[in-house]
Amino acid sequence: MPYDERMADRIREIIAERTDNVIEKKMFGGLCFLVDDKICVAVKSDKIFARVAPDVFEAALGQDGITTMDRGFKTMKGYLYINFDLLQTQKQLEHWVNLALDFNPLAKSSKGK
């Protein structure tokens, strides 16, 4: 599962500023960062995905370089792929990672009880 190591390091730094309760796991064809046991952000070879609030998700739809995460014929609401072209500066990357971190406490856990 190839993913961009440099981008993963950049994401690690942003997450570390906010929490140390993070687990890295290879999934979705890349490296996923689970915060408080919930999927938060992942990095692939040419894009990241972020789990964001419903209003952020809806507002981002249709923007160039942003696509939804689809599993078969189902769109995974709240999960956005953001192309690296939109993440060139630290500020741009922080924007998306922080949106995912902001939503994380409200996100449902997919972990079985």
C-alpha atoms as a PDB file:
ATOM      1  CA  MET A   1       0.000   0.000   0.000  1.00  0.00           C
ATOM      2  CA  PRO A   2       2.017   2.958  -1.217  1.00  0.00           C
ATOM      3  CA  TYR A   3       1.513   6.308   0.448  1.00  0.00           C
ATOM      4  CA  ASP A   4       3.470   9.545   0.490  1.00  0.00           C
ATOM      5  CA  GLU A   5       5.818   9.426   3.491  1.00  0.00           C
ATOM      6  CA  ARG A   6       6.481  13.147   3.417  1.00  0.00           C
ATOM      7  CA  MET A   7       2.780  13.947   3.548  1.00  0.00           C
ATOM      8  CA  ALA A   8       2.329  11.404   6.356  1.00  0.00           C
ATOM      9  CA  ASP A   9       5.054  13.186   8.344  1.00  0.00           C
ATOM     10  CA  ARG A  10       3.376  16.563   7.768  1.00  0.00           C
ATOM     11  CA  ILE A  11       0.051  15.152   8.993  1.00  0.00           C
ATOM     12  CA  ARG A  12       1.712  13.529  12.038  1.00  0.00           C
ATOM     13  CA  GLU A  13       3.094  16.908  13.099  1.00  0.00           C
ATOM     14  CA  ILE A  14      -0.308  18.605  12.864  1.00  0.00           C
ATOM     15  CA  ILE A  15      -2.073  15.849  14.785  1.00  0.00           C
ATOM     16  CA  ALA A  16       0.661  15.775  17.458  1.00  0.00           C
ATOM     17  CA  GLU A  17      -0.015  19.453  18.220  1.00  0.00           C
ATOM     18  CA  ARG A  18      -3.567  18.527  19.247  1.00  0.00           C
ATOM     19  CA  THR A  19      -3.485  14.995  20.650  1.00  0.00           C
ATOM     20  CA  ASP A  20      -1.312  12.018  21.423  1.00  0.00           C
ATOM     21  CA  ASN A  21      -4.213   9.558  21.259  1.00  0.00           C
ATOM     22  CA  VAL A  22      -3.516   8.489  17.689  1.00  0.00           C
ATOM     23  CA  ILE A  23      -2.947   5.113  16.073  1.00  0.00           C
ATOM     24  CA  GLU A  24      -1.541   4.675  12.579  1.00  0.00           C
ATOM     25  CA  LYS A  25      -2.931   1.792  10.574  1.00  0.00           C
ATOM     26  CA  LYS A  26      -2.489   0.725   6.967  1.00  0.00           C
ATOM     27  CA  MET A  27      -5.924   0.748   5.375  1.00  0.00           C
ATOM     28  CA  PHE A  28      -7.868   2.264   2.443  1.00  0.00           C
ATOM     29  CA  GLY A  29      -4.797   1.765   0.253  1.00  0.00           C
ATOM     30  CA  GLY A  30      -2.672   4.077   2.385  1.00  0.00           C
ATOM     31  CA  LEU A  31      -1.917   5.065   5.956  1.00  0.00           C
ATOM     32  CA  CYS A  32      -4.843   5.989   8.191  1.00  0.00           C
ATOM     33  CA  PHE A  33      -4.632   8.069  11.370  1.00  0.00           C
ATOM     34  CA  LEU A  34      -7.213   6.999  13.938  1.00  0.00           C
ATOM     35  CA  VAL A  35      -7.786   9.550  16.690  1.00  0.00           C
ATOM     36  CA  ASP A  36      -9.600   8.320  19.789  1.00  0.00           C
ATOM     37  CA  ASP A  37     -10.152   5.024  17.934  1.00  0.00           C
ATOM     38  CA  LYS A  38     -12.003   6.803  15.097  1.00  0.00           C
ATOM     39  CA  ILE A  39     -10.951   7.268  11.488  1.00  0.00           C
ATOM     40  CA  CYS A  40      -9.817  10.858  11.126  1.00  0.00           C
ATOM     41  CA  VAL A  41      -7.348  11.393   8.257  1.00  0.00           C
ATOM     42  CA  ALA A  42      -5.544   9.121   5.804  1.00  0.00           C
ATOM     43  CA  VAL A  43      -2.798   9.639   3.267  1.00  0.00           C
ATOM     44  CA  LYS A  44      -2.412   7.888  -0.068  1.00  0.00           C
ATOM     45  CA  SER A  45       0.106   8.400  -2.863  1.00  0.00           C
ATOM     46  CA  ASP A  46      -1.506  11.519  -4.337  1.00  0.00           C
ATOM     47  CA  LYS A  47      -4.273  12.592  -1.964  1.00  0.00           C
ATOM     48  CA  ILE A  48      -5.456  12.560   1.603  1.00  0.00           C
ATOM     49  CA  PHE A  49      -8.881  11.883   2.909  1.00  0.00           C
ATOM     50  CA  ALA A  50     -10.436  13.630   5.828  1.00  0.00           C
ATOM     51  CA  ARG A  51     -13.540  12.769   7.842  1.00  0.00           C
ATOM     52  CA  VAL A  52     -15.349  16.077   8.249  1.00  0.00           C
ATOM     53  CA  ALA A  53     -18.583  17.544   9.594  1.00  0.00           C
ATOM     54  CA  PRO A  54     -21.693  17.302   7.387  1.00  0.00           C
ATOM     55  CA  ASP A  55     -21.729  21.038   6.608  1.00  0.00           C
ATOM     56  CA  VAL A  56     -18.056  20.986   5.567  1.00  0.00           C
ATOM     57  CA  PHE A  57     -18.692  17.894   3.455  1.00  0.00           C
ATOM     58  CA  GLU A  58     -21.627  19.502   1.632  1.00  0.00           C
ATOM     59  CA  ALA A  59     -19.772  22.797   1.081  1.00  0.00           C
ATOM     60  CA  ALA A  60     -16.756  21.013  -0.420  1.00  0.00           C
ATOM     61  CA  LEU A  61     -18.728  18.983  -2.960  1.00  0.00           C
ATOM     62  CA  GLY A  62     -18.049  20.067  -6.509  1.00  0.00           C
ATOM     63  CA  GLN A  63     -14.780  21.864  -5.757  1.00  0.00           C
ATOM     64  CA  ASP A  64     -11.904  21.038  -8.094  1.00  0.00           C
ATOM     65  CA  GLY A  65      -9.518  18.535  -6.534  1.00  0.00           C
ATOM     66  CA  ILE A  66     -12.029  17.271  -3.967  1.00  0.00           C
ATOM     67  CA  THR A  67     -14.000  14.064  -4.391  1.00  0.00           C
ATOM     68  CA  THR A  68     -16.128  11.856  -2.225  1.00  0.00           C
ATOM     69  CA  MET A  69     -15.122   8.473  -0.922  1.00  0.00           C
ATOM     70  CA  ASP A  70     -17.251   5.891  -2.689  1.00  0.00           C
ATOM     71  CA  ARG A  71     -17.593   2.228  -1.764  1.00  0.00           C
ATOM     72  CA  GLY A  72     -19.262   0.486  -4.656  1.00  0.00           C
ATOM     73  CA  PHE A  73     -22.300   2.599  -5.497  1.00  0.00           C
ATOM     74  CA  LYS A  74     -22.497   4.222  -2.056  1.00  0.00           C
ATOM     75  CA  THR A  75     -21.008   7.619  -1.223  1.00  0.00           C
ATOM     76  CA  MET A  76     -19.465   7.648   2.227  1.00  0.00           C
ATOM     77  CA  LYS A  77     -20.876  10.877   3.624  1.00  0.00           C
ATOM     78  CA  GLY A  78     -18.388  12.903   5.580  1.00  0.00           C
ATOM     79  CA  TYR A  79     -15.313  11.426   3.884  1.00  0.00           C
ATOM     80  CA  LEU A  80     -13.525  13.635   1.359  1.00  0.00           C
ATOM     81  CA  TYR A  81     -10.495  12.998  -0.806  1.00  0.00           C
ATOM     82  CA  ILE A  82      -8.331  16.097  -1.229  1.00  0.00           C
ATOM     83  CA  ASN A  83      -5.699  16.078  -3.989  1.00  0.00           C
ATOM     84  CA  PHE A  84      -2.148  17.033  -3.053  1.00  0.00           C
ATOM     85  CA  ASP A  85      -2.447  20.014  -5.449  1.00  0.00           C
ATOM     86  CA  LEU A  86      -4.671  21.647  -2.813  1.00  0.00           C
ATOM     87  CA  LEU A  87      -2.234  20.874   0.028  1.00  0.00           C
ATOM     88  CA  GLN A  88       0.969  22.554  -1.101  1.00  0.00           C
ATOM     89  CA  THR A  89       1.291  24.969   1.807  1.00  0.00           C
ATOM     90  CA  GLN A  90       1.286  24.124   5.495  1.00  0.00           C
ATOM     91  CA  LYS A  91      -1.761  26.362   5.950  1.00  0.00           C
ATOM     92  CA  GLN A  92      -3.714  24.438   3.300  1.00  0.00           C
ATOM     93  CA  LEU A  93      -2.894  21.078   4.882  1.00  0.00           C
ATOM     94  CA  GLU A  94      -3.606  22.339   8.405  1.00  0.00           C
ATOM     95  CA  HIS A  95      -7.010  23.556   7.238  1.00  0.00           C
ATOM     96  CA  TRP A  96      -8.185  20.070   6.223  1.00  0.00           C
ATOM     97  CA  VAL A  97      -6.488  18.129   9.015  1.00  0.00           C
ATOM     98  CA  ASN A  98      -7.874  20.532  11.627  1.00  0.00           C
ATOM     99  CA  LEU A  99     -11.376  20.236  10.160  1.00  0.00           C
ATOM    100  CA  ALA A 100     -11.089  16.466  10.589  1.00  0.00           C
ATOM    101  CA  LEU A 101      -9.721  16.831  14.126  1.00  0.00           C
ATOM    102  CA  ASP A 102     -12.498  19.290  15.017  1.00  0.00           C
ATOM    103  CA  PHE A 103     -15.148  16.816  13.876  1.00  0.00           C
ATOM    104  CA  ASN A 104     -13.518  13.777  15.478  1.00  0.00           C
ATOM    105  CA  PRO A 105     -15.101  14.160  18.967  1.00  0.00           C
ATOM    106  CA  LEU A 106     -18.552  14.254  17.308  1.00  0.00           C
ATOM    107  CA  ALA A 107     -17.933  11.400  14.877  1.00  0.00           C
ATOM    108  CA  LYS A 108     -19.442   8.003  15.561  1.00  0.00           C
ATOM    109  CA  SER A 109     -17.017   5.258  16.334  1.00  0.00           C
ATOM    110  CA  SER A 110     -17.055   2.327  13.947  1.00  0.00           C
ATOM    111  CA  LYS A 111     -15.414   0.149  16.577  1.00  0.00           C
ATOM    112  CA  GLY A 112     -17.567  -2.715  17.857  1.00  0.00           C
ATOM    113  CA  LYS A 113     -18.590  -2.644  21.505  1.00  0.00           C
END
